[in-house]
Amino acid sequence: MNLVVGGQVVRTATGQDAEHLRWASWDVGDLVGQTAHIQVVDTTTGGWGHVLVDHVTFDDRPAT
């Protein structure tokens, strides 16, 4: 998953090729006042597969 600001990827979080979801957090204090969007990317080229993303939140504290 990428955080995109001004057409540039400024943060990235990747999975571990597993069904287990893990928390990921970004410190975005340096981006205050800018518009951003989240981009979910799947670069797999094989046959079967899927992407898991759940519980995207905005908070002043890191995810736990």
PDB file of N, CA and C in Angstrom:
ATOM      1  N   MET A   1       0.852  -1.148   0.000  1.00  0.00           N
ATOM      2  CA  MET A   1       0.000   0.000   0.000  1.00  0.00           C
ATOM      3  C   MET A   1       0.907   1.221   0.000  1.00  0.00           C
ATOM      4  N   ASN A   2       0.565   2.195  -0.802  1.00  0.00           N
ATOM      5  CA  ASN A   2       1.345   3.420  -0.910  1.00  0.00           C
ATOM      6  C   ASN A   2       0.528   4.618  -0.454  1.00  0.00           C
ATOM      7  N   LEU A   3       1.208   5.594   0.103  1.00  0.00           N
ATOM      8  CA  LEU A   3       0.624   6.900   0.371  1.00  0.00           C
ATOM      9  C   LEU A   3       1.213   7.834  -0.667  1.00  0.00           C
ATOM     10  N   VAL A   4       0.336   8.444  -1.468  1.00  0.00           N
ATOM     11  CA  VAL A   4       0.768   9.275  -2.587  1.00  0.00           C
ATOM     12  C   VAL A   4       0.415  10.731  -2.313  1.00  0.00           C
ATOM     13  N   VAL A   5       1.406  11.603  -2.435  1.00  0.00           N
ATOM     14  CA  VAL A   5       1.227  13.050  -2.260  1.00  0.00           C
ATOM     15  C   VAL A   5       1.890  13.744  -3.448  1.00  0.00           C
ATOM     16  N   GLY A   6       1.150  14.600  -4.121  1.00  0.00           N
ATOM     17  CA  GLY A   6       1.715  15.326  -5.257  1.00  0.00           C
ATOM     18  C   GLY A   6       2.209  14.420  -6.357  1.00  0.00           C
ATOM     19  N   GLY A   7       1.558  13.272  -6.535  1.00  0.00           N
ATOM     20  CA  GLY A   7       1.938  12.335  -7.584  1.00  0.00           C
ATOM     21  C   GLY A   7       3.147  11.474  -7.246  1.00  0.00           C
ATOM     22  N   GLN A   8       3.682  11.622  -6.030  1.00  0.00           N
ATOM     23  CA  GLN A   8       4.851  10.857  -5.606  1.00  0.00           C
ATOM     24  C   GLN A   8       4.501   9.938  -4.444  1.00  0.00           C
ATOM     25  N   VAL A   9       5.027   8.723  -4.453  1.00  0.00           N
ATOM     26  CA  VAL A   9       4.858   7.807  -3.324  1.00  0.00           C
ATOM     27  C   VAL A   9       5.772   8.290  -2.205  1.00  0.00           C
ATOM     28  N   VAL A  10       5.172   8.621  -1.048  1.00  0.00           N
ATOM     29  CA  VAL A  10       5.949   9.145   0.073  1.00  0.00           C
ATOM     30  C   VAL A  10       6.046   8.163   1.243  1.00  0.00           C
ATOM     31  N   ARG A  11       5.177   7.151   1.271  1.00  0.00           N
ATOM     32  CA  ARG A  11       5.236   6.096   2.281  1.00  0.00           C
ATOM     33  C   ARG A  11       4.780   4.794   1.625  1.00  0.00           C
ATOM     34  N   THR A  12       5.330   3.672   2.099  1.00  0.00           N
ATOM     35  CA  THR A  12       4.949   2.358   1.580  1.00  0.00           C
ATOM     36  C   THR A  12       4.889   1.356   2.717  1.00  0.00           C
ATOM     37  N   ALA A  13       3.899   0.467   2.662  1.00  0.00           N
ATOM     38  CA  ALA A  13       3.799  -0.668   3.578  1.00  0.00           C
ATOM     39  C   ALA A  13       3.528  -1.894   2.721  1.00  0.00           C
ATOM     40  N   THR A  14       4.215  -2.988   3.009  1.00  0.00           N
ATOM     41  CA  THR A  14       4.033  -4.207   2.218  1.00  0.00           C
ATOM     42  C   THR A  14       3.647  -5.367   3.109  1.00  0.00           C
ATOM     43  N   GLY A  15       3.010  -6.344   2.510  1.00  0.00           N
ATOM     44  CA  GLY A  15       2.627  -7.562   3.214  1.00  0.00           C
ATOM     45  C   GLY A  15       3.779  -8.534   3.283  1.00  0.00           C
ATOM     46  N   GLN A  16       3.485  -9.690   3.862  1.00  0.00           N
ATOM     47  CA  GLN A  16       4.513 -10.708   4.024  1.00  0.00           C
ATOM     48  C   GLN A  16       4.113 -12.010   3.337  1.00  0.00           C
ATOM     49  N   ASP A  17       3.317 -11.904   2.272  1.00  0.00           N
ATOM     50  CA  ASP A  17       2.838 -13.078   1.545  1.00  0.00           C
ATOM     51  C   ASP A  17       2.185 -14.090   2.472  1.00  0.00           C
ATOM     52  N   ALA A  18       1.308 -13.606   3.353  1.00  0.00           N
ATOM     53  CA  ALA A  18       0.631 -14.467   4.323  1.00  0.00           C
ATOM     54  C   ALA A  18      -0.792 -13.965   4.542  1.00  0.00           C
ATOM     55  N   GLU A  19      -1.643 -14.817   5.064  1.00  0.00           N
ATOM     56  CA  GLU A  19      -3.024 -14.450   5.369  1.00  0.00           C
ATOM     57  C   GLU A  19      -3.139 -13.625   6.646  1.00  0.00           C
ATOM     58  N   HIS A  20      -2.059 -13.566   7.422  1.00  0.00           N
ATOM     59  CA  HIS A  20      -2.083 -12.835   8.686  1.00  0.00           C
ATOM     60  C   HIS A  20      -1.931 -11.339   8.424  1.00  0.00           C
ATOM     61  N   LEU A  21      -2.902 -10.557   8.887  1.00  0.00           N
ATOM     62  CA  LEU A  21      -2.814  -9.109   8.762  1.00  0.00           C
ATOM     63  C   LEU A  21      -1.981  -8.554   9.914  1.00  0.00           C
ATOM     64  N   ARG A  22      -1.142  -7.569   9.628  1.00  0.00           N
ATOM     65  CA  ARG A  22      -0.344  -6.938  10.674  1.00  0.00           C
ATOM     66  C   ARG A  22      -0.547  -5.432  10.598  1.00  0.00           C
ATOM     67  N   TRP A  23      -0.435  -4.791  11.746  1.00  0.00           N
ATOM     68  CA  TRP A  23      -0.582  -3.339  11.810  1.00  0.00           C
ATOM     69  C   TRP A  23       0.616  -2.672  11.141  1.00  0.00           C
ATOM     70  N   ALA A  24       0.362  -1.568  10.489  1.00  0.00           N
ATOM     71  CA  ALA A  24       1.425  -0.729   9.936  1.00  0.00           C
ATOM     72  C   ALA A  24       1.021   0.718  10.200  1.00  0.00           C
ATOM     73  N   SER A  25       1.996   1.558  10.478  1.00  0.00           N
ATOM     74  CA  SER A  25       1.724   2.973  10.759  1.00  0.00           C
ATOM     75  C   SER A  25       2.729   3.844  10.031  1.00  0.00           C
ATOM     76  N   TRP A  26       2.282   5.029   9.669  1.00  0.00           N
ATOM     77  CA  TRP A  26       3.160   6.024   9.072  1.00  0.00           C
ATOM     78  C   TRP A  26       3.079   7.296   9.895  1.00  0.00           C
ATOM     79  N   ASP A  27       4.198   7.918  10.159  1.00  0.00           N
ATOM     80  CA  ASP A  27       4.227   9.251  10.753  1.00  0.00           C
ATOM     81  C   ASP A  27       4.109  10.230   9.589  1.00  0.00           C
ATOM     82  N   VAL A  28       3.014  10.962   9.547  1.00  0.00           N
ATOM     83  CA  VAL A  28       2.768  11.874   8.427  1.00  0.00           C
ATOM     84  C   VAL A  28       2.772  13.338   8.871  1.00  0.00           C
ATOM     85  N   GLY A  29       3.396  13.604  10.008  1.00  0.00           N
ATOM     86  CA  GLY A  29       3.467  14.975  10.526  1.00  0.00           C
ATOM     87  C   GLY A  29       4.070  15.951   9.539  1.00  0.00           C
ATOM     88  N   ASP A  30       5.005  15.489   8.716  1.00  0.00           N
ATOM     89  CA  ASP A  30       5.641  16.365   7.731  1.00  0.00           C
ATOM     90  C   ASP A  30       4.748  16.652   6.527  1.00  0.00           C
ATOM     91  N   LEU A  31       3.580  16.014   6.467  1.00  0.00           N
ATOM     92  CA  LEU A  31       2.678  16.178   5.318  1.00  0.00           C
ATOM     93  C   LEU A  31       1.425  16.988   5.643  1.00  0.00           C
ATOM     94  N   VAL A  32       1.359  17.560   6.839  1.00  0.00           N
ATOM     95  CA  VAL A  32       0.181  18.323   7.258  1.00  0.00           C
ATOM     96  C   VAL A  32      -0.119  19.420   6.239  1.00  0.00           C
ATOM     97  N   GLY A  33      -1.404  19.511   5.866  1.00  0.00           N
ATOM     98  CA  GLY A  33      -1.854  20.528   4.928  1.00  0.00           C
ATOM     99  C   GLY A  33      -1.811  20.100   3.473  1.00  0.00           C
ATOM    100  N   GLN A  34      -1.267  18.925   3.192  1.00  0.00           N
ATOM    101  CA  GLN A  34      -1.202  18.433   1.821  1.00  0.00           C
ATOM    102  C   GLN A  34      -2.301  17.396   1.576  1.00  0.00           C
ATOM    103  N   THR A  35      -2.723  17.274   0.339  1.00  0.00           N
ATOM    104  CA  THR A  35      -3.720  16.284  -0.045  1.00  0.00           C
ATOM    105  C   THR A  35      -3.008  14.990  -0.422  1.00  0.00           C
ATOM    106  N   ALA A  36      -3.551  13.870   0.049  1.00  0.00           N
ATOM    107  CA  ALA A  36      -2.935  12.571  -0.203  1.00  0.00           C
ATOM    108  C   ALA A  36      -4.005  11.544  -0.556  1.00  0.00           C
ATOM    109  N   HIS A  37      -3.574  10.455  -1.165  1.00  0.00           N
ATOM    110  CA  HIS A  37      -4.471   9.318  -1.356  1.00  0.00           C
ATOM    111  C   HIS A  37      -3.698   8.030  -1.123  1.00  0.00           C
ATOM    112  N   ILE A  38      -4.443   6.989  -0.777  1.00  0.00           N
ATOM    113  CA  ILE A  38      -3.874   5.674  -0.533  1.00  0.00           C
ATOM    114  C   ILE A  38      -4.054   4.835  -1.790  1.00  0.00           C
ATOM    115  N   GLN A  39      -3.006   4.145  -2.174  1.00  0.00           N
ATOM    116  CA  GLN A  39      -2.994   3.332  -3.385  1.00  0.00           C
ATOM    117  C   GLN A  39      -2.686   1.882  -2.977  1.00  0.00           C
ATOM    118  N   VAL A  40      -3.610   0.981  -3.282  1.00  0.00           N
ATOM    119  CA  VAL A  40      -3.390  -0.441  -3.013  1.00  0.00           C
ATOM    120  C   VAL A  40      -2.839  -1.063  -4.291  1.00  0.00           C
ATOM    121  N   VAL A  41      -1.675  -1.693  -4.185  1.00  0.00           N
ATOM    122  CA  VAL A  41      -0.964  -2.202  -5.356  1.00  0.00           C
ATOM    123  C   VAL A  41      -0.770  -3.707  -5.227  1.00  0.00           C
ATOM    124  N   ASP A  42      -1.047  -4.436  -6.298  1.00  0.00           N
ATOM    125  CA  ASP A  42      -0.783  -5.872  -6.354  1.00  0.00           C
ATOM    126  C   ASP A  42       0.124  -6.115  -7.552  1.00  0.00           C
ATOM    127  N   THR A  43       1.354  -6.507  -7.302  1.00  0.00           N
ATOM    128  CA  THR A  43       2.306  -6.730  -8.393  1.00  0.00           C
ATOM    129  C   THR A  43       2.451  -8.203  -8.755  1.00  0.00           C
ATOM    130  N   THR A  44       1.620  -9.059  -8.177  1.00  0.00           N
ATOM    131  CA  THR A  44       1.681 -10.487  -8.467  1.00  0.00           C
ATOM    132  C   THR A  44       1.275 -10.738  -9.909  1.00  0.00           C
ATOM    133  N   THR A  45       2.002 -11.604 -10.578  1.00  0.00           N
ATOM    134  CA  THR A  45       1.699 -11.909 -11.977  1.00  0.00           C
ATOM    135  C   THR A  45       1.240 -13.343 -12.180  1.00  0.00           C
ATOM    136  N   GLY A  46       1.198 -14.137 -11.096  1.00  0.00           N
ATOM    137  CA  GLY A  46       0.801 -15.533 -11.196  1.00  0.00           C
ATOM    138  C   GLY A  46      -0.693 -15.694 -11.350  1.00  0.00           C
ATOM    139  N   GLY A  47      -1.138 -16.925 -11.226  1.00  0.00           N
ATOM    140  CA  GLY A  47      -2.545 -17.252 -11.412  1.00  0.00           C
ATOM    141  C   GLY A  47      -3.455 -16.707 -10.328  1.00  0.00           C
ATOM    142  N   TRP A  48      -3.594 -17.431  -9.240  1.00  0.00           N
ATOM    143  CA  TRP A  48      -4.545 -17.076  -8.210  1.00  0.00           C
ATOM    144  C   TRP A  48      -3.879 -16.206  -7.158  1.00  0.00           C
ATOM    145  N   GLY A  49      -4.631 -15.287  -6.604  1.00  0.00           N
ATOM    146  CA  GLY A  49      -4.104 -14.450  -5.532  1.00  0.00           C
ATOM    147  C   GLY A  49      -5.139 -13.426  -5.113  1.00  0.00           C
ATOM    148  N   HIS A  50      -4.868 -12.742  -4.032  1.00  0.00           N
ATOM    149  CA  HIS A  50      -5.757 -11.690  -3.572  1.00  0.00           C
ATOM    150  C   HIS A  50      -4.996 -10.730  -2.659  1.00  0.00           C
ATOM    151  N   VAL A  51      -5.583  -9.572  -2.432  1.00  0.00           N
ATOM    152  CA  VAL A  51      -4.992  -8.540  -1.594  1.00  0.00           C
ATOM    153  C   VAL A  51      -5.873  -8.377  -0.361  1.00  0.00           C
ATOM    154  N   LEU A  52      -5.248  -8.317   0.811  1.00  0.00           N
ATOM    155  CA  LEU A  52      -5.981  -8.106   2.055  1.00  0.00           C
ATOM    156  C   LEU A  52      -5.638  -6.734   2.625  1.00  0.00           C
ATOM    157  N   VAL A  53      -6.642  -5.892   2.818  1.00  0.00           N
ATOM    158  CA  VAL A  53      -6.484  -4.586   3.474  1.00  0.00           C
ATOM    159  C   VAL A  53      -7.694  -4.411   4.370  1.00  0.00           C
ATOM    160  N   ASP A  54      -7.453  -4.007   5.608  1.00  0.00           N
ATOM    161  CA  ASP A  54      -8.561  -3.847   6.541  1.00  0.00           C
ATOM    162  C   ASP A  54      -8.231  -2.752   7.541  1.00  0.00           C
ATOM    163  N   HIS A  55      -9.214  -2.042   7.946  1.00  0.00           N
ATOM    164  CA  HIS A  55      -9.129  -1.116   9.072  1.00  0.00           C
ATOM    165  C   HIS A  55      -8.123   0.015   8.840  1.00  0.00           C
ATOM    166  N   VAL A  56      -8.346   0.813   7.825  1.00  0.00           N
ATOM    167  CA  VAL A  56      -7.519   2.002   7.577  1.00  0.00           C
ATOM    168  C   VAL A  56      -8.089   3.116   8.445  1.00  0.00           C
ATOM    169  N   THR A  57      -7.246   3.679   9.313  1.00  0.00           N
ATOM    170  CA  THR A  57      -7.700   4.743  10.212  1.00  0.00           C
ATOM    171  C   THR A  57      -6.736   5.920  10.181  1.00  0.00           C
ATOM    172  N   PHE A  58      -7.215   7.039  10.687  1.00  0.00           N
ATOM    173  CA  PHE A  58      -6.389   8.236  10.835  1.00  0.00           C
ATOM    174  C   PHE A  58      -6.387   8.576  12.322  1.00  0.00           C
ATOM    175  N   ASP A  59      -5.203   8.640  12.925  1.00  0.00           N
ATOM    176  CA  ASP A  59      -5.097   8.829  14.378  1.00  0.00           C
ATOM    177  C   ASP A  59      -3.798   9.538  14.710  1.00  0.00           C
ATOM    178  N   ASP A  60      -3.741  10.128  15.884  1.00  0.00           N
ATOM    179  CA  ASP A  60      -2.518  10.777  16.350  1.00  0.00           C
ATOM    180  C   ASP A  60      -1.534   9.801  16.963  1.00  0.00           C
ATOM    181  N   ARG A  61      -1.957   8.538  17.115  1.00  0.00           N
ATOM    182  CA  ARG A  61      -1.112   7.528  17.742  1.00  0.00           C
ATOM    183  C   ARG A  61      -0.829   6.402  16.766  1.00  0.00           C
ATOM    184  N   PRO A  62       0.336   5.756  16.871  1.00  0.00           N
ATOM    185  CA  PRO A  62       0.631   4.595  16.000  1.00  0.00           C
ATOM    186  C   PRO A  62      -0.360   3.453  16.236  1.00  0.00           C
ATOM    187  N   ALA A  63      -0.603   2.673  15.217  1.00  0.00           N
ATOM    188  CA  ALA A  63      -1.477   1.504  15.335  1.00  0.00           C
ATOM    189  C   ALA A  63      -0.841   0.475  16.264  1.00  0.00           C
ATOM    190  N   THR A  64      -1.673  -0.205  17.046  1.00  0.00           N
ATOM    191  CA  THR A  64      -1.170  -1.243  17.946  1.00  0.00           C
ATOM    192  C   THR A  64      -1.946  -2.525  17.765  1.00  0.00           C
TER     193      THR A  64
END
